[in-house]
């Protein structure tokens, strides 16, 4: 019985450490920036590591020429690329803080996230 209480106490300590690390990771991800562009740089999107879109730049010539359909095609692609990069940053940060922690099922959950990211071809590009 006392061994089980020791295990519970250990899990609680690990959970507290994890919570503090999560806050630090979120602060770091919020400050981290990723960029994506499509159409040879005609549309650019900047996001943070939390997946929040911060800025969108559309080449003025697209607007001047009335290229609405092209903008509508390029913008979602650039946003999706930026969000994929942010997701990769988030995954890498989560993996770094879970090293050494022994929560039941944690390693399996992290590996499932990695497998899901490996299936996404957008993940091949690295954040800036």
N, C-alpha and C. Protein backbone atom coordinates (compact mmCIF):
# COMPACT_ATOMS: atom_id res chain seq x y z
N UNK A 1 0.81 -1.20 0.00
CA UNK A 1 0.00 0.00 0.00
C UNK A 1 0.86 1.26 0.00
N UNK A 2 1.94 1.26 0.83
CA UNK A 2 2.78 2.44 0.91
C UNK A 2 3.54 2.67 -0.41
N UNK A 3 3.86 1.57 -1.08
CA UNK A 3 4.53 1.70 -2.38
C UNK A 3 3.62 2.41 -3.37
N UNK A 4 2.33 2.08 -3.36
CA UNK A 4 1.36 2.73 -4.25
C UNK A 4 1.23 4.22 -3.94
N UNK A 5 1.25 4.57 -2.64
CA UNK A 5 1.20 5.99 -2.25
C UNK A 5 2.43 6.73 -2.74
N UNK A 6 3.57 6.06 -2.69
CA UNK A 6 4.80 6.67 -3.20
C UNK A 6 4.71 6.91 -4.69
N UNK A 7 4.12 5.95 -5.41
CA UNK A 7 3.94 6.11 -6.85
C UNK A 7 3.00 7.26 -7.16
N UNK A 8 1.93 7.39 -6.39
CA UNK A 8 0.98 8.49 -6.59
C UNK A 8 1.66 9.82 -6.31
N UNK A 9 2.43 9.90 -5.25
CA UNK A 9 3.14 11.14 -4.92
C UNK A 9 4.12 11.51 -6.04
N UNK A 10 4.79 10.50 -6.56
CA UNK A 10 5.72 10.74 -7.67
C UNK A 10 4.98 11.26 -8.89
N UNK A 11 3.83 10.66 -9.20
CA UNK A 11 3.04 11.13 -10.33
C UNK A 11 2.56 12.56 -10.13
N UNK A 12 2.17 12.91 -8.92
CA UNK A 12 1.73 14.27 -8.64
C UNK A 12 2.88 15.28 -8.80
N UNK A 13 4.05 14.91 -8.33
CA UNK A 13 5.22 15.79 -8.52
C UNK A 13 5.51 15.98 -10.00
N UNK A 14 5.46 14.88 -10.76
CA UNK A 14 5.70 14.97 -12.20
C UNK A 14 4.65 15.83 -12.88
N UNK A 15 3.41 15.72 -12.44
CA UNK A 15 2.33 16.53 -13.03
C UNK A 15 2.57 18.01 -12.76
N UNK A 16 3.02 18.35 -11.56
CA UNK A 16 3.32 19.75 -11.23
C UNK A 16 4.47 20.26 -12.10
N UNK A 17 5.51 19.46 -12.23
CA UNK A 17 6.65 19.85 -13.07
C UNK A 17 6.19 20.05 -14.51
N UNK A 18 5.35 19.13 -14.98
CA UNK A 18 4.85 19.20 -16.34
C UNK A 18 4.05 20.48 -16.56
N UNK A 19 3.21 20.84 -15.59
CA UNK A 19 2.40 22.06 -15.70
C UNK A 19 3.27 23.30 -15.83
N UNK A 20 4.31 23.37 -15.03
CA UNK A 20 5.22 24.52 -15.11
C UNK A 20 5.96 24.56 -16.43
N UNK A 21 6.37 23.39 -16.91
CA UNK A 21 7.06 23.33 -18.19
C UNK A 21 6.12 23.71 -19.33
N UNK A 22 4.85 23.30 -19.22
CA UNK A 22 3.87 23.63 -20.27
C UNK A 22 3.71 25.14 -20.40
N UNK A 23 3.66 25.84 -19.27
CA UNK A 23 3.52 27.30 -19.32
C UNK A 23 4.73 27.92 -20.00
N UNK A 24 5.90 27.45 -19.67
CA UNK A 24 7.12 27.97 -20.29
C UNK A 24 7.13 27.68 -21.79
N UNK A 25 6.71 26.48 -22.18
CA UNK A 25 6.66 26.11 -23.59
C UNK A 25 5.66 27.00 -24.34
N UNK A 26 4.49 27.21 -23.75
CA UNK A 26 3.49 28.07 -24.40
C UNK A 26 4.01 29.48 -24.59
N UNK A 27 4.71 30.01 -23.58
CA UNK A 27 5.30 31.35 -23.72
C UNK A 27 6.32 31.38 -24.85
N UNK A 28 7.15 30.33 -24.92
CA UNK A 28 8.17 30.27 -25.98
C UNK A 28 7.51 30.13 -27.35
N UNK A 29 6.49 29.28 -27.47
CA UNK A 29 5.81 29.10 -28.75
C UNK A 29 5.09 30.37 -29.19
N UNK A 30 4.55 31.10 -28.25
CA UNK A 30 3.86 32.35 -28.61
C UNK A 30 4.84 33.36 -29.21
N UNK A 31 6.08 33.33 -28.75
CA UNK A 31 7.09 34.25 -29.27
C UNK A 31 7.76 33.74 -30.55
N UNK A 32 7.67 32.45 -30.81
CA UNK A 32 8.31 31.86 -31.98
C UNK A 32 7.53 32.21 -33.25
N UNK A 33 8.22 32.44 -34.35
CA UNK A 33 7.57 32.82 -35.60
C UNK A 33 7.90 31.82 -36.70
N UNK A 34 6.90 31.51 -37.52
CA UNK A 34 7.08 30.68 -38.71
C UNK A 34 6.49 31.45 -39.89
N UNK A 35 7.08 31.24 -41.05
CA UNK A 35 6.62 31.91 -42.26
C UNK A 35 6.34 30.87 -43.33
N UNK A 36 5.37 31.19 -44.17
CA UNK A 36 5.07 30.35 -45.33
C UNK A 36 4.67 31.27 -46.47
N UNK A 37 4.98 30.85 -47.69
CA UNK A 37 4.58 31.65 -48.84
C UNK A 37 4.17 30.73 -49.98
N UNK A 38 3.32 31.27 -50.84
CA UNK A 38 2.86 30.53 -52.01
C UNK A 38 2.91 31.47 -53.21
N UNK A 39 2.81 30.87 -54.38
CA UNK A 39 2.81 31.67 -55.60
C UNK A 39 4.11 32.43 -55.79
N UNK A 40 5.21 31.80 -55.44
CA UNK A 40 6.50 32.47 -55.61
C UNK A 40 6.64 33.70 -54.74
N UNK A 41 6.03 33.68 -53.56
CA UNK A 41 6.13 34.80 -52.63
C UNK A 41 5.03 35.83 -52.80
N UNK A 42 4.06 35.53 -53.65
CA UNK A 42 2.99 36.50 -53.88
C UNK A 42 2.06 36.60 -52.66
N UNK A 43 1.95 35.54 -51.89
CA UNK A 43 1.18 35.54 -50.65
C UNK A 43 2.06 34.96 -49.56
N UNK A 44 2.20 35.71 -48.47
CA UNK A 44 3.01 35.27 -47.33
C UNK A 44 2.16 35.30 -46.07
N UNK A 45 2.37 34.31 -45.22
CA UNK A 45 1.66 34.24 -43.95
C UNK A 45 2.67 34.02 -42.84
N UNK A 46 2.52 34.79 -41.77
CA UNK A 46 3.36 34.63 -40.58
C UNK A 46 2.45 34.17 -39.45
N UNK A 47 2.91 33.17 -38.72
CA UNK A 47 2.16 32.65 -37.57
C UNK A 47 3.14 32.45 -36.41
N UNK A 48 2.58 32.27 -35.22
CA UNK A 48 3.45 31.93 -34.10
C UNK A 48 3.40 30.43 -33.86
N UNK A 49 4.19 29.96 -32.93
CA UNK A 49 4.29 28.53 -32.66
C UNK A 49 3.02 27.93 -32.07
N UNK A 50 2.09 28.77 -31.65
CA UNK A 50 0.81 28.28 -31.15
C UNK A 50 -0.21 28.10 -32.25
N UNK A 51 0.16 28.49 -33.48
CA UNK A 51 -0.75 28.34 -34.60
C UNK A 51 -1.66 29.54 -34.81
N UNK A 52 -1.31 30.66 -34.23
CA UNK A 52 -2.08 31.88 -34.42
C UNK A 52 -1.50 32.65 -35.61
N UNK A 53 -2.34 32.95 -36.60
CA UNK A 53 -1.89 33.72 -37.76
C UNK A 53 -1.71 35.17 -37.31
N UNK A 54 -0.52 35.71 -37.55
CA UNK A 54 -0.19 37.05 -37.09
C UNK A 54 -0.22 38.10 -38.20
N UNK A 55 0.14 37.66 -39.42
CA UNK A 55 0.24 38.63 -40.51
C UNK A 55 0.04 37.90 -41.83
N UNK A 56 -0.62 38.59 -42.75
CA UNK A 56 -0.78 38.10 -44.11
C UNK A 56 -0.34 39.22 -45.04
N UNK A 57 0.50 38.88 -46.01
CA UNK A 57 0.92 39.87 -47.00
C UNK A 57 0.55 39.34 -48.38
N UNK A 58 -0.16 40.16 -49.12
CA UNK A 58 -0.55 39.83 -50.49
C UNK A 58 0.12 40.82 -51.42
N UNK A 59 0.80 40.31 -52.42
CA UNK A 59 1.49 41.16 -53.39
C UNK A 59 0.48 42.15 -53.98
N UNK A 60 0.77 43.44 -53.92
CA UNK A 60 -0.17 44.45 -54.42
C UNK A 60 -0.54 44.29 -55.89
N UNK A 61 0.36 43.69 -56.68
CA UNK A 61 0.03 43.52 -58.10
C UNK A 61 -1.12 42.55 -58.30
N UNK A 62 -1.26 41.58 -57.39
CA UNK A 62 -2.40 40.67 -57.48
C UNK A 62 -3.72 41.43 -57.29
N UNK A 63 -3.71 42.34 -56.35
CA UNK A 63 -4.91 43.12 -56.08
C UNK A 63 -5.18 44.08 -57.24
N UNK A 64 -4.12 44.75 -57.71
CA UNK A 64 -4.27 45.71 -58.82
C UNK A 64 -4.82 45.04 -60.07
N UNK A 65 -4.40 43.83 -60.34
CA UNK A 65 -4.85 43.12 -61.53
C UNK A 65 -6.20 42.42 -61.32
N UNK A 66 -6.75 42.53 -60.13
CA UNK A 66 -8.03 41.91 -59.84
C UNK A 66 -7.98 40.39 -59.85
N UNK A 67 -6.89 39.83 -59.37
CA UNK A 67 -6.68 38.38 -59.38
C UNK A 67 -7.33 37.73 -58.15
N UNK A 68 -8.61 37.97 -57.98
CA UNK A 68 -9.34 37.45 -56.82
C UNK A 68 -9.24 35.94 -56.71
N UNK A 69 -9.45 35.23 -57.79
CA UNK A 69 -9.41 33.76 -57.75
C UNK A 69 -8.03 33.24 -57.37
N UNK A 70 -7.00 33.89 -57.88
CA UNK A 70 -5.64 33.46 -57.53
C UNK A 70 -5.38 33.70 -56.04
N UNK A 71 -5.80 34.85 -55.54
CA UNK A 71 -5.64 35.14 -54.12
C UNK A 71 -6.39 34.10 -53.29
N UNK A 72 -7.60 33.78 -53.72
CA UNK A 72 -8.41 32.79 -52.99
C UNK A 72 -7.77 31.40 -53.00
N UNK A 73 -6.99 31.10 -54.02
CA UNK A 73 -6.28 29.81 -54.08
C UNK A 73 -5.00 29.84 -53.25
N UNK A 74 -4.27 30.94 -53.36
CA UNK A 74 -2.96 31.02 -52.71
C UNK A 74 -3.06 31.22 -51.20
N UNK A 75 -4.04 31.99 -50.74
CA UNK A 75 -4.12 32.32 -49.33
C UNK A 75 -4.34 31.08 -48.44
N UNK A 76 -5.31 30.22 -48.71
CA UNK A 76 -5.47 29.04 -47.85
C UNK A 76 -4.23 28.13 -47.86
N UNK A 77 -3.59 28.03 -48.99
CA UNK A 77 -2.39 27.20 -49.08
C UNK A 77 -1.29 27.75 -48.17
N UNK A 78 -1.07 29.05 -48.21
CA UNK A 78 -0.04 29.67 -47.37
C UNK A 78 -0.40 29.54 -45.89
N UNK A 79 -1.67 29.74 -45.56
CA UNK A 79 -2.10 29.61 -44.16
C UNK A 79 -1.88 28.18 -43.69
N UNK A 80 -2.28 27.22 -44.50
CA UNK A 80 -2.10 25.81 -44.12
C UNK A 80 -0.64 25.44 -43.93
N UNK A 81 0.23 25.96 -44.79
CA UNK A 81 1.66 25.70 -44.63
C UNK A 81 2.19 26.29 -43.33
N UNK A 82 1.78 27.53 -43.03
CA UNK A 82 2.24 28.17 -41.79
C UNK A 82 1.73 27.41 -40.57
N UNK A 83 0.48 26.98 -40.61
CA UNK A 83 -0.07 26.24 -39.48
C UNK A 83 0.60 24.88 -39.32
N UNK A 84 0.97 24.25 -40.43
CA UNK A 84 1.69 22.97 -40.35
C UNK A 84 3.06 23.18 -39.70
N UNK A 85 3.73 24.25 -40.04
CA UNK A 85 5.02 24.55 -39.42
C UNK A 85 4.84 24.83 -37.93
N UNK A 86 3.79 25.56 -37.57
CA UNK A 86 3.52 25.84 -36.15
C UNK A 86 3.23 24.55 -35.41
N UNK A 87 2.49 23.66 -36.02
CA UNK A 87 2.17 22.36 -35.40
C UNK A 87 3.45 21.56 -35.16
N UNK A 88 4.37 21.61 -36.10
CA UNK A 88 5.64 20.90 -35.94
C UNK A 88 6.44 21.50 -34.79
N UNK A 89 6.45 22.83 -34.67
CA UNK A 89 7.13 23.48 -33.54
C UNK A 89 6.52 23.03 -32.22
N UNK A 90 5.20 22.98 -32.19
CA UNK A 90 4.49 22.57 -30.98
C UNK A 90 4.82 21.11 -30.63
N UNK A 91 4.81 20.25 -31.63
CA UNK A 91 5.13 18.84 -31.41
C UNK A 91 6.54 18.69 -30.84
N UNK A 92 7.51 19.37 -31.44
CA UNK A 92 8.89 19.27 -30.98
C UNK A 92 9.04 19.79 -29.56
N UNK A 93 8.33 20.86 -29.23
CA UNK A 93 8.38 21.40 -27.87
C UNK A 93 7.78 20.42 -26.88
N UNK A 94 6.66 19.81 -27.23
CA UNK A 94 6.02 18.84 -26.35
C UNK A 94 6.92 17.62 -26.13
N UNK A 95 7.54 17.18 -27.19
CA UNK A 95 8.43 16.01 -27.09
C UNK A 95 9.60 16.33 -26.16
N UNK A 96 10.12 17.56 -26.24
CA UNK A 96 11.28 17.93 -25.41
C UNK A 96 10.93 17.97 -23.93
N UNK A 97 9.71 18.35 -23.58
CA UNK A 97 9.40 18.43 -22.15
C UNK A 97 8.92 17.11 -21.57
N UNK A 98 8.53 16.18 -22.41
CA UNK A 98 8.06 14.90 -21.88
C UNK A 98 9.20 13.90 -21.70
N UNK A 99 10.39 14.21 -22.20
CA UNK A 99 11.52 13.31 -21.99
C UNK A 99 11.77 13.15 -20.49
N UNK A 100 11.82 11.92 -20.03
CA UNK A 100 12.09 11.66 -18.62
C UNK A 100 10.85 11.54 -17.75
N UNK A 101 9.69 11.94 -18.25
CA UNK A 101 8.46 11.80 -17.48
C UNK A 101 7.86 10.43 -17.75
N UNK A 102 7.24 9.86 -16.73
CA UNK A 102 6.69 8.52 -16.91
C UNK A 102 5.20 8.50 -16.61
N UNK A 103 4.42 9.22 -17.41
CA UNK A 103 2.96 9.14 -17.31
C UNK A 103 2.50 7.94 -18.13
N UNK A 104 1.58 7.17 -17.58
CA UNK A 104 1.08 6.02 -18.37
C UNK A 104 0.47 6.48 -19.69
N UNK A 105 0.92 5.90 -20.79
CA UNK A 105 0.37 6.21 -22.10
C UNK A 105 0.97 7.44 -22.77
N UNK A 106 1.85 8.17 -22.08
CA UNK A 106 2.39 9.40 -22.64
C UNK A 106 3.24 9.14 -23.88
N UNK A 107 4.13 8.16 -23.80
CA UNK A 107 4.98 7.87 -24.96
C UNK A 107 4.15 7.46 -26.16
N UNK A 108 3.11 6.68 -25.91
CA UNK A 108 2.24 6.25 -27.00
C UNK A 108 1.52 7.44 -27.64
N UNK A 109 1.04 8.36 -26.82
CA UNK A 109 0.34 9.53 -27.34
C UNK A 109 1.28 10.40 -28.17
N UNK A 110 2.50 10.60 -27.71
CA UNK A 110 3.48 11.40 -28.44
C UNK A 110 3.82 10.72 -29.77
N UNK A 111 3.98 9.40 -29.76
CA UNK A 111 4.32 8.72 -31.01
C UNK A 111 3.16 8.79 -32.00
N UNK A 112 1.92 8.76 -31.52
CA UNK A 112 0.78 8.91 -32.41
C UNK A 112 0.77 10.28 -33.05
N UNK A 113 1.13 11.32 -32.28
CA UNK A 113 1.23 12.66 -32.85
C UNK A 113 2.31 12.71 -33.93
N UNK A 114 3.43 12.05 -33.65
CA UNK A 114 4.52 12.04 -34.63
C UNK A 114 4.09 11.33 -35.90
N UNK A 115 3.38 10.20 -35.75
CA UNK A 115 2.92 9.48 -36.92
C UNK A 115 1.95 10.32 -37.73
N UNK A 116 1.07 11.06 -37.08
CA UNK A 116 0.12 11.92 -37.79
C UNK A 116 0.86 13.02 -38.53
N UNK A 117 1.92 13.56 -37.93
CA UNK A 117 2.70 14.61 -38.59
C UNK A 117 3.49 14.06 -39.76
N UNK A 118 3.95 12.78 -39.66
CA UNK A 118 4.71 12.19 -40.76
C UNK A 118 3.84 11.98 -41.99
N UNK A 119 2.54 11.83 -41.81
CA UNK A 119 1.62 11.64 -42.92
C UNK A 119 1.34 12.94 -43.66
N UNK A 120 1.71 14.08 -43.09
CA UNK A 120 1.42 15.39 -43.66
C UNK A 120 2.61 15.88 -44.47
N UNK A 121 2.50 16.00 -45.79
CA UNK A 121 3.64 16.43 -46.60
C UNK A 121 4.06 17.86 -46.31
N UNK A 122 3.20 18.66 -45.73
CA UNK A 122 3.57 20.03 -45.38
C UNK A 122 4.62 20.06 -44.28
N UNK A 123 4.75 18.98 -43.50
CA UNK A 123 5.66 18.95 -42.38
C UNK A 123 7.12 18.89 -42.81
N UNK A 124 7.37 18.68 -44.10
CA UNK A 124 8.74 18.59 -44.57
C UNK A 124 9.47 19.92 -44.50
N UNK A 125 8.76 21.01 -44.52
CA UNK A 125 9.41 22.32 -44.49
C UNK A 125 9.69 22.71 -43.04
N UNK A 126 10.82 23.34 -42.82
CA UNK A 126 11.24 23.72 -41.49
C UNK A 126 10.82 25.16 -41.20
N UNK A 127 10.49 25.47 -39.90
CA UNK A 127 10.15 26.83 -39.54
C UNK A 127 11.36 27.75 -39.64
N UNK A 128 11.10 29.02 -39.85
CA UNK A 128 12.19 30.00 -39.94
C UNK A 128 12.46 30.60 -38.61
